[in-house]
């Protein structure tokens, strides 16, 4: 893996039968790894016929925590970044 300050990173979580993901910079990933509080507004997703924005909060509740909620306040994920619900958290290799 290259320096955390470069590249693009992605986190994918499982929610019910769906997955949700977010991509962010290597600098942001480095802050998360150092347990810095990071809030990222995601690209959103469709829930039935409605589009919902999502918010990802890393390390807000405690070091290593991840809290994902919608703009309506619905909780998508509330746990640790090392939980089995985290399907992927690594550098994105672009071609």
Protein backbone atom coordinates (compact mmCIF):
# COMPACT_ATOMS: atom_id res chain seq x y z
CA UNK A 1 0.00 0.00 0.00
CA UNK A 2 1.33 3.45 -0.84
CA UNK A 3 1.55 6.46 1.45
CA UNK A 4 -1.78 7.26 3.13
CA UNK A 5 -1.42 10.87 2.03
CA UNK A 6 -1.89 9.93 -1.61
CA UNK A 7 -4.47 7.93 -3.51
CA UNK A 8 -8.16 7.39 -3.00
CA UNK A 9 -9.63 5.11 -0.36
CA UNK A 10 -13.01 3.43 -0.17
CA UNK A 11 -15.12 2.01 2.65
CA UNK A 12 -17.97 -0.40 1.88
CA UNK A 13 -20.47 -1.43 4.56
CA UNK A 14 -23.28 -3.95 4.52
CA UNK A 15 -26.77 -2.75 5.43
CA UNK A 16 -29.58 -5.33 5.28
CA UNK A 17 -29.37 -6.76 1.74
CA UNK A 18 -27.57 -3.69 0.34
CA UNK A 19 -24.12 -2.18 0.49
CA UNK A 20 -23.19 1.47 0.91
CA UNK A 21 -19.83 2.97 0.08
CA UNK A 22 -17.86 6.16 0.26
CA UNK A 23 -14.58 7.23 -1.31
CA UNK A 24 -12.19 9.80 0.11
CA UNK A 25 -8.62 11.03 -0.16
CA UNK A 26 -5.52 9.46 1.30
CA UNK A 27 -5.13 12.49 3.58
CA UNK A 28 -8.60 11.84 5.01
CA UNK A 29 -7.76 8.14 5.46
CA UNK A 30 -4.61 9.13 7.37
CA UNK A 31 -6.69 11.30 9.74
CA UNK A 32 -9.11 8.40 10.30
CA UNK A 33 -6.23 6.01 11.01
CA UNK A 34 -4.86 8.47 13.61
CA UNK A 35 -8.32 8.46 15.29
CA UNK A 36 -9.09 12.01 14.21
CA UNK A 37 -12.77 12.92 14.06
CA UNK A 38 -13.82 12.98 10.41
CA UNK A 39 -17.29 13.73 9.01
CA UNK A 40 -17.91 13.08 5.31
CA UNK A 41 -21.09 13.72 3.38
CA UNK A 42 -21.59 10.86 0.94
CA UNK A 43 -22.92 10.75 -2.58
CA UNK A 44 -26.28 9.50 -1.32
CA UNK A 45 -28.34 6.55 -2.50
CA UNK A 46 -31.81 5.59 -3.62
CA UNK A 47 -34.16 4.16 -1.01
CA UNK A 48 -37.09 2.85 -3.00
CA UNK A 49 -38.05 5.81 -5.13
CA UNK A 50 -36.51 8.46 -2.87
CA UNK A 51 -32.97 9.78 -2.94
CA UNK A 52 -31.34 10.15 0.48
CA UNK A 53 -28.11 11.90 1.39
CA UNK A 54 -25.80 10.08 3.78
CA UNK A 55 -23.34 11.24 6.41
CA UNK A 56 -20.36 9.21 7.61
CA UNK A 57 -18.78 9.98 10.99
CA UNK A 58 -15.45 8.35 11.82
CA UNK A 59 -14.10 8.36 15.40
CA UNK A 60 -16.84 10.64 16.80
CA UNK A 61 -18.23 8.29 19.45
CA UNK A 62 -14.87 6.71 20.32
CA UNK A 63 -11.62 5.83 18.52
CA UNK A 64 -12.36 3.39 15.71
CA UNK A 65 -16.09 4.09 15.61
CA UNK A 66 -18.11 4.55 12.43
CA UNK A 67 -21.60 6.01 12.39
CA UNK A 68 -23.52 6.32 9.11
CA UNK A 69 -26.90 7.99 8.96
CA UNK A 70 -29.24 9.53 6.41
CA UNK A 71 -30.34 13.14 6.25
CA UNK A 72 -33.66 11.98 7.75
CA UNK A 73 -31.82 10.57 10.79
CA UNK A 74 -32.14 6.88 9.86
CA UNK A 75 -29.12 4.92 11.12
CA UNK A 76 -27.42 2.84 8.43
CA UNK A 77 -24.49 1.69 10.54
CA UNK A 78 -23.35 2.18 14.13
CA UNK A 79 -20.26 0.22 15.06
CA UNK A 80 -16.53 -0.13 14.73
CA UNK A 81 -14.48 0.16 11.55
CA UNK A 82 -13.12 -3.32 12.28
CA UNK A 83 -16.55 -5.01 12.43
CA UNK A 84 -17.55 -7.70 9.96
CA UNK A 85 -20.11 -5.31 8.46
CA UNK A 86 -17.18 -3.41 6.96
CA UNK A 87 -16.76 -5.31 3.72
CA UNK A 88 -13.89 -3.29 2.33
CA UNK A 89 -11.66 -0.52 3.56
CA UNK A 90 -8.62 -0.06 1.39
CA UNK A 91 -6.95 1.94 -1.33
CA UNK A 92 -8.74 2.13 -4.67
CA UNK A 93 -6.45 1.26 -7.54
CA UNK A 94 -7.39 3.24 -10.64
CA UNK A 95 -6.44 2.03 -14.10
